[in-house]
Amino acid sequence: MRYLAVFVLLSGLLGSVASYAQTQPDSTQTVEETESTSSEWQQVSLSRHATHAAPAPTNAPNPTRSTPAPTTTVATSTVPASAPTASTLPARPAPIPTAPATGRVPARPQSYRPAFSGDFATNRSGWRGGRKGGYQYQIGFGRYNIRRLSPTSGEVAYSVVSLPTEMNLNLAPYFTIRIDVVADSGRVPSGGLLFGVRDSLNLCAFRLRSDGTMALTRLIDGQATDSVMTDDFFRPGVPVEPNRNQLVIRRVEKALHVYINQREVRGSPFVFDPLPGNRIGVTSSGDWTSFQKLLVTLGPDDWIDR
């Protein structure tokens, strides 16, 4: 009986020890106590072991799907992470340096063409003025007026000026000369254009007469030198208007085109021969003739479309 009592006592003692051992945690198992706090940007988990991952959110569509662990660093700036920074912005291109102003005249564009205007406003070109012989010459307000007073028999009024040195009509393969000739009301102007002038005996002239005829004259030492440009007047084959007519001479290489009111006259173009000189002018034999809009240009001209 004594041994039986001792055995029962030992068995109870061993059972209590085993039961106590089962209820104690394993020293090698990680016990996690988790506290949560919220911030403006993300949920941060604080753990005794910083390397332990936070539990997956309960509203995840797939609890078994692995998700990357959130960072434990709390954002301290209110600038979104996607905002560009100074290090990521592209470098601003350096400004293109500009040459300082030097006061030079800029280079002429490729389309530049020398031109000469009659300047019938200020007479800077040096046209004849006042009374000369039997005619009165008056300039101003864009007009050059020649009035007949008491000329001697056969006297013709004329006035010429020099072109700029860079405008040599013999060297230019293309040039255009145009002028408006105006007469008293209801009359065809008696006058015209002088070009290639060296002096009063060596020149070329494109003239109208009050009867509506025209002449294209080339004089060398006072004499007409060929059968093309003579001193004979002829019908131009195009209408000649009373009061105002535009006269145009165009050189196109070896051809000389002649127009009245933008219509090419009969027989044009004529053969271009070297001009006696390089001056430009006007002539008149009527009672009153006014010249306006004189213009000389070098190079191809689209004057018909103007």
Protein backbone atom coordinates (compact mmCIF):
# COMPACT_ATOMS: atom_id res chain seq x y z
CA MET A 1 0.00 0.00 0.00
CA ARG A 2 2.83 2.32 0.83
CA TYR A 3 4.45 1.74 -2.58
CA LEU A 4 1.11 2.20 -4.29
CA ALA A 5 0.55 5.57 -2.66
CA VAL A 6 4.03 6.76 -3.64
CA PHE A 7 3.45 5.74 -7.28
CA VAL A 8 0.15 7.61 -7.47
CA LEU A 9 1.78 10.70 -6.00
CA LEU A 10 4.67 10.60 -8.51
CA SER A 11 2.29 10.11 -11.41
CA GLY A 12 0.29 13.20 -10.47
CA LEU A 13 3.39 15.24 -10.04
CA LEU A 14 4.72 14.28 -13.50
CA GLY A 15 1.35 15.05 -15.12
CA SER A 16 1.33 18.55 -13.66
CA VAL A 17 4.83 19.19 -14.92
CA ALA A 18 3.90 18.04 -18.48
CA SER A 19 0.76 20.16 -18.47
CA TYR A 20 2.71 23.22 -17.39
CA ALA A 21 5.33 22.65 -20.08
CA GLN A 22 2.67 22.53 -22.81
CA THR A 23 1.16 25.87 -21.76
CA GLN A 24 4.50 27.77 -21.85
CA PRO A 25 5.63 29.38 -25.14
CA ASP A 26 8.59 28.12 -27.09
CA SER A 27 11.62 30.34 -26.53
CA THR A 28 12.49 30.06 -30.25
CA GLN A 29 9.03 31.22 -31.50
CA THR A 30 8.55 34.93 -32.30
CA VAL A 31 5.68 36.43 -30.41
CA GLU A 32 4.34 39.54 -32.12
CA GLU A 33 2.41 42.28 -30.45
CA THR A 34 1.23 44.76 -33.10
CA GLU A 35 0.11 48.34 -32.64
CA SER A 36 -1.19 50.48 -35.52
CA THR A 37 -1.21 54.19 -36.08
CA SER A 38 -2.43 56.26 -38.99
CA SER A 39 -0.89 59.15 -40.89
CA GLU A 40 -1.96 61.40 -43.76
CA TRP A 41 -0.05 59.39 -46.37
CA GLN A 42 -0.04 55.67 -45.26
CA GLN A 43 -0.60 53.17 -42.52
CA VAL A 44 2.55 52.48 -40.51
CA SER A 45 2.95 49.31 -38.41
CA LEU A 46 5.15 49.37 -35.35
CA SER A 47 6.51 45.95 -34.31
CA ARG A 48 8.90 44.62 -31.77
CA HIS A 49 10.77 43.01 -34.65
CA ALA A 50 11.19 45.66 -37.40
CA THR A 51 11.84 42.98 -40.01
CA HIS A 52 8.45 41.32 -39.52
CA ALA A 53 5.89 42.10 -42.26
CA ALA A 54 2.56 43.77 -41.44
CA PRO A 55 -0.57 41.63 -41.91
CA ALA A 56 -2.45 41.90 -45.20
CA PRO A 57 -5.50 44.22 -45.15
CA THR A 58 -8.78 42.48 -44.59
CA ASN A 59 -10.46 44.15 -47.60
CA ALA A 60 -7.92 42.79 -50.12
CA PRO A 61 -9.65 40.97 -53.01
CA ASN A 62 -7.38 37.96 -52.62
CA PRO A 63 -6.08 37.34 -49.06
CA THR A 64 -3.65 34.71 -50.31
CA ARG A 65 -2.03 37.10 -52.86
CA SER A 66 1.30 38.40 -51.64
CA THR A 67 1.73 42.18 -51.51
CA PRO A 68 4.91 44.17 -51.05
CA ALA A 69 5.55 45.33 -47.53
CA PRO A 70 4.88 49.06 -46.98
CA THR A 71 7.75 51.22 -45.97
CA THR A 72 8.13 52.20 -42.34
CA THR A 73 9.36 55.72 -43.14
CA VAL A 74 6.80 58.43 -42.48
CA ALA A 75 6.72 61.18 -45.19
CA THR A 76 7.65 64.58 -43.86
CA SER A 77 7.00 66.70 -47.01
CA THR A 78 3.70 67.70 -48.58
CA VAL A 79 5.15 67.59 -52.12
CA PRO A 80 3.97 64.46 -53.99
CA ALA A 81 6.64 61.95 -54.80
CA SER A 82 6.04 62.38 -58.53
CA ALA A 83 6.82 66.11 -58.51
CA PRO A 84 9.96 67.01 -60.51
CA THR A 85 13.00 68.19 -58.65
CA ALA A 86 15.90 70.40 -59.65
CA SER A 87 17.99 67.35 -60.39
CA THR A 88 15.37 65.83 -62.71
CA LEU A 89 14.33 68.97 -64.60
CA PRO A 90 15.91 69.35 -68.07
CA ALA A 91 18.60 71.98 -68.29
CA ARG A 92 17.42 75.30 -69.75
CA PRO A 93 19.12 75.96 -73.11
CA ALA A 94 21.61 78.78 -73.08
CA PRO A 95 20.42 81.94 -74.86
CA ILE A 96 21.75 82.46 -78.38
CA PRO A 97 24.17 85.36 -78.32
CA THR A 98 23.30 88.27 -80.60
CA ALA A 99 25.80 90.51 -82.25
CA PRO A 100 25.88 93.99 -80.79
CA ALA A 101 24.68 96.86 -82.90
CA THR A 102 27.56 98.36 -84.81
CA GLY A 103 25.73 101.05 -86.79
CA ARG A 104 26.40 99.34 -90.12
CA VAL A 105 23.89 99.44 -92.92
CA PRO A 106 22.35 95.92 -93.19
CA ALA A 107 23.21 93.91 -96.26
CA ARG A 108 20.82 94.30 -99.17
CA PRO A 109 18.43 91.36 -99.64
CA GLN A 110 18.74 89.14 -102.68
CA SER A 111 15.61 90.70 -104.20
CA TYR A 112 17.05 94.22 -104.07
CA ARG A 113 16.85 96.10 -107.39
CA PRO A 114 18.21 99.61 -107.92
CA ALA A 115 15.49 102.14 -108.71
CA PHE A 116 15.33 105.80 -109.63
CA SER A 117 12.30 108.01 -109.07
CA GLY A 118 11.73 111.32 -110.83
CA ASP A 119 11.14 112.92 -107.41
CA PHE A 120 8.77 115.55 -108.77
CA ALA A 121 8.11 116.74 -105.22
CA THR A 122 11.40 118.29 -104.05
CA ASN A 123 13.52 118.33 -107.25
CA ARG A 124 16.50 116.74 -105.58
CA SER A 125 17.36 115.24 -108.98
CA GLY A 126 18.05 118.66 -110.54
CA TRP A 127 15.38 119.04 -113.22
CA ARG A 128 15.27 122.26 -115.23
CA GLY A 129 13.21 124.98 -113.59
CA GLY A 130 11.95 128.49 -114.38
CA ARG A 131 11.81 129.99 -117.86
CA LYS A 132 14.19 128.59 -120.44
CA GLY A 133 13.76 129.67 -124.06
CA GLY A 134 10.09 129.73 -124.98
CA TYR A 135 8.93 127.38 -122.18
CA GLN A 136 8.20 127.58 -118.45
CA TYR A 137 9.36 124.62 -116.30
CA GLN A 138 7.73 124.09 -112.92
CA ILE A 139 8.09 121.22 -110.46
CA GLY A 140 6.20 120.30 -107.29
CA PHE A 141 3.41 118.21 -105.74
CA GLY A 142 4.56 115.12 -107.67
CA ARG A 143 4.27 116.82 -111.08
CA TYR A 144 6.68 118.29 -113.58
CA ASN A 145 4.83 120.82 -115.74
CA ILE A 146 6.09 122.34 -118.98
CA ARG A 147 4.11 125.24 -120.46
CA ARG A 148 4.72 126.77 -123.86
CA LEU A 149 5.05 130.59 -123.77
CA SER A 150 6.47 131.94 -127.04
CA PRO A 151 8.87 129.39 -128.51
CA THR A 152 10.72 130.02 -131.70
CA SER A 153 9.80 127.94 -134.74
CA GLY A 154 10.62 124.27 -134.26
CA GLU A 155 11.76 124.69 -130.65
CA VAL A 156 11.06 121.66 -128.45
CA ALA A 157 11.20 121.66 -124.64
CA TYR A 158 13.34 119.07 -122.89
CA SER A 159 14.91 118.39 -119.49
CA VAL A 160 17.33 115.59 -118.53
CA VAL A 161 19.03 114.32 -115.38
CA SER A 162 21.69 111.67 -114.72
CA LEU A 163 20.91 108.22 -113.37
CA PRO A 164 22.87 106.88 -110.37
CA THR A 165 26.21 105.35 -111.28
CA GLU A 166 25.05 101.82 -110.35
CA MET A 167 22.18 102.06 -112.87
CA ASN A 168 23.88 101.63 -116.24
CA LEU A 169 21.17 100.88 -118.81
CA ASN A 170 23.67 99.48 -121.32
CA LEU A 171 25.04 96.95 -118.83
CA ALA A 172 21.70 95.85 -117.36
CA PRO A 173 20.13 92.98 -119.35
CA TYR A 174 16.75 93.98 -117.90
CA PHE A 175 15.40 97.43 -117.16
CA THR A 176 12.02 99.20 -117.12
CA ILE A 177 11.27 102.90 -117.58
CA ARG A 178 7.75 104.23 -117.12
CA ILE A 179 6.10 107.63 -116.90
CA ASP A 180 2.62 109.15 -117.06
CA VAL A 181 2.13 111.95 -119.61
CA VAL A 182 -0.81 114.32 -119.02
CA ALA A 183 -2.25 117.08 -121.23
CA ASP A 184 -5.03 119.66 -121.12
CA SER A 185 -8.55 118.29 -120.84
CA GLY A 186 -9.67 116.41 -123.94
CA ARG A 187 -6.30 116.47 -125.67
CA VAL A 188 -3.72 113.78 -126.36
CA PRO A 189 -0.39 114.83 -124.78
CA SER A 190 2.30 116.09 -127.13
CA GLY A 191 5.46 114.89 -125.47
CA GLY A 192 7.19 111.85 -124.11
CA LEU A 193 10.17 110.11 -122.63
CA LEU A 194 13.90 110.53 -123.30
CA PHE A 195 16.33 107.71 -122.37
CA GLY A 196 19.92 106.76 -123.12
CA VAL A 197 20.72 110.47 -123.44
CA ARG A 198 24.27 111.72 -123.92
CA ASP A 199 23.38 115.20 -125.14
CA SER A 200 20.72 116.91 -127.28
CA LEU A 201 22.03 115.29 -130.49
CA ASN A 202 22.63 111.77 -129.13
CA LEU A 203 19.64 110.17 -127.47
CA CYS A 204 16.61 107.87 -127.72
CA ALA A 205 13.01 109.14 -127.45
CA PHE A 206 9.52 107.66 -127.12
CA ARG A 207 7.04 110.44 -128.05
CA LEU A 208 3.31 110.92 -128.57
CA ARG A 209 1.68 113.53 -130.79
CA SER A 210 -1.73 115.19 -130.42
CA ASP A 211 -3.11 113.26 -133.42
CA GLY A 212 -2.62 109.93 -131.57
CA THR A 213 0.52 108.83 -133.42
CA MET A 214 3.84 107.87 -131.83
CA ALA A 215 7.54 107.81 -132.71
CA LEU A 216 10.45 105.77 -131.41
CA THR A 217 13.57 107.71 -132.28
CA ARG A 218 17.27 107.02 -132.01
CA LEU A 219 19.54 109.94 -132.83
CA ILE A 220 23.29 109.87 -133.33
CA ASP A 221 24.79 113.27 -134.01
CA GLY A 222 21.28 114.59 -134.68
CA GLN A 223 20.40 111.97 -137.30
CA ALA A 224 18.16 108.91 -137.16
CA THR A 225 20.52 105.97 -137.63
CA ASP A 226 18.36 102.96 -138.54
CA SER A 227 15.02 101.96 -139.99
CA VAL A 228 13.61 100.59 -136.74
CA MET A 229 13.88 103.60 -134.45
CA THR A 230 13.22 106.59 -136.72
CA ASP A 231 11.82 110.07 -136.36
CA ASP A 232 8.72 109.11 -138.32
CA PHE A 233 5.40 109.07 -136.44
CA PHE A 234 3.09 106.06 -136.95
CA ARG A 235 -0.11 104.58 -135.56
CA PRO A 236 0.76 102.45 -132.53
CA GLY A 237 -2.07 99.96 -133.07
CA VAL A 238 -3.32 100.44 -129.50
CA PRO A 239 -5.68 103.10 -128.08
CA VAL A 240 -4.12 106.43 -127.16
CA GLU A 241 -6.22 108.25 -124.57
CA PRO A 242 -6.90 111.97 -124.20
CA ASN A 243 -5.63 113.61 -121.03
CA ARG A 244 -3.36 110.81 -119.69
CA ASN A 245 -1.25 107.97 -121.09
CA GLN A 246 1.34 105.72 -119.48
CA LEU A 247 4.48 105.13 -121.55
CA VAL A 248 6.70 102.14 -120.80
CA ILE A 249 10.05 101.00 -122.22
CA ARG A 250 11.32 97.54 -121.21
CA ARG A 251 14.60 95.96 -122.12
CA VAL A 252 14.66 92.14 -122.06
CA GLU A 253 18.20 91.22 -123.06
CA LYS A 254 18.42 91.97 -126.83
CA ALA A 255 14.79 93.08 -127.20
CA LEU A 256 13.20 96.46 -126.49
CA HIS A 257 9.47 96.30 -125.65
CA VAL A 258 7.31 99.42 -125.97
CA TYR A 259 3.89 99.88 -124.30
CA ILE A 260 1.14 102.48 -124.16
CA ASN A 261 -1.25 102.01 -121.24
CA GLN A 262 0.14 98.51 -120.60
CA ARG A 263 -0.52 97.36 -124.18
CA GLU A 264 2.39 96.55 -126.47
CA VAL A 265 2.49 98.73 -129.57
CA ARG A 266 2.63 97.57 -133.16
CA GLY A 267 6.07 96.34 -134.22
CA SER A 268 7.27 95.72 -130.63
CA PRO A 269 9.62 94.27 -129.56
CA PHE A 270 12.37 96.13 -131.39
CA VAL A 271 16.05 95.21 -131.52
CA PHE A 272 18.02 96.72 -128.64
CA ASP A 273 21.23 98.52 -129.67
CA PRO A 274 23.67 100.22 -127.26
CA LEU A 275 22.34 103.54 -126.03
CA PRO A 276 24.29 106.75 -126.71
CA GLY A 277 24.38 107.72 -123.01
CA ASN A 278 22.92 106.99 -119.59
CA ARG A 279 20.75 110.02 -118.76
CA ILE A 280 16.95 110.14 -118.51
CA GLY A 281 14.56 112.95 -119.37
CA VAL A 282 11.27 114.29 -120.75
CA THR A 283 10.31 116.34 -123.82
CA SER A 284 7.27 118.38 -124.86
CA SER A 285 6.02 120.36 -127.86
CA GLY A 286 2.47 121.05 -126.65
CA ASP A 287 0.86 124.05 -124.98
CA TRP A 288 0.91 122.36 -121.57
CA THR A 289 2.27 118.93 -120.64
CA SER A 290 2.59 117.39 -117.18
CA PHE A 291 4.83 114.41 -116.30
CA GLN A 292 4.15 112.18 -113.30
CA LYS A 293 5.30 108.91 -111.71
CA LEU A 294 8.64 108.56 -113.46
CA LEU A 295 10.35 105.37 -112.32
CA VAL A 296 13.40 103.48 -113.60
CA THR A 297 14.17 99.98 -112.27
CA LEU A 298 16.76 97.33 -113.12
CA GLY A 299 15.96 93.63 -113.34
CA PRO A 300 12.85 91.71 -114.47
CA ASP A 301 9.71 93.69 -113.73
CA ASP A 302 6.10 92.64 -113.13
CA TRP A 303 4.79 96.14 -113.82
CA ILE A 304 1.77 94.88 -115.77
CA ASP A 305 0.30 93.35 -112.58
CA ARG A 306 0.72 96.54 -110.54
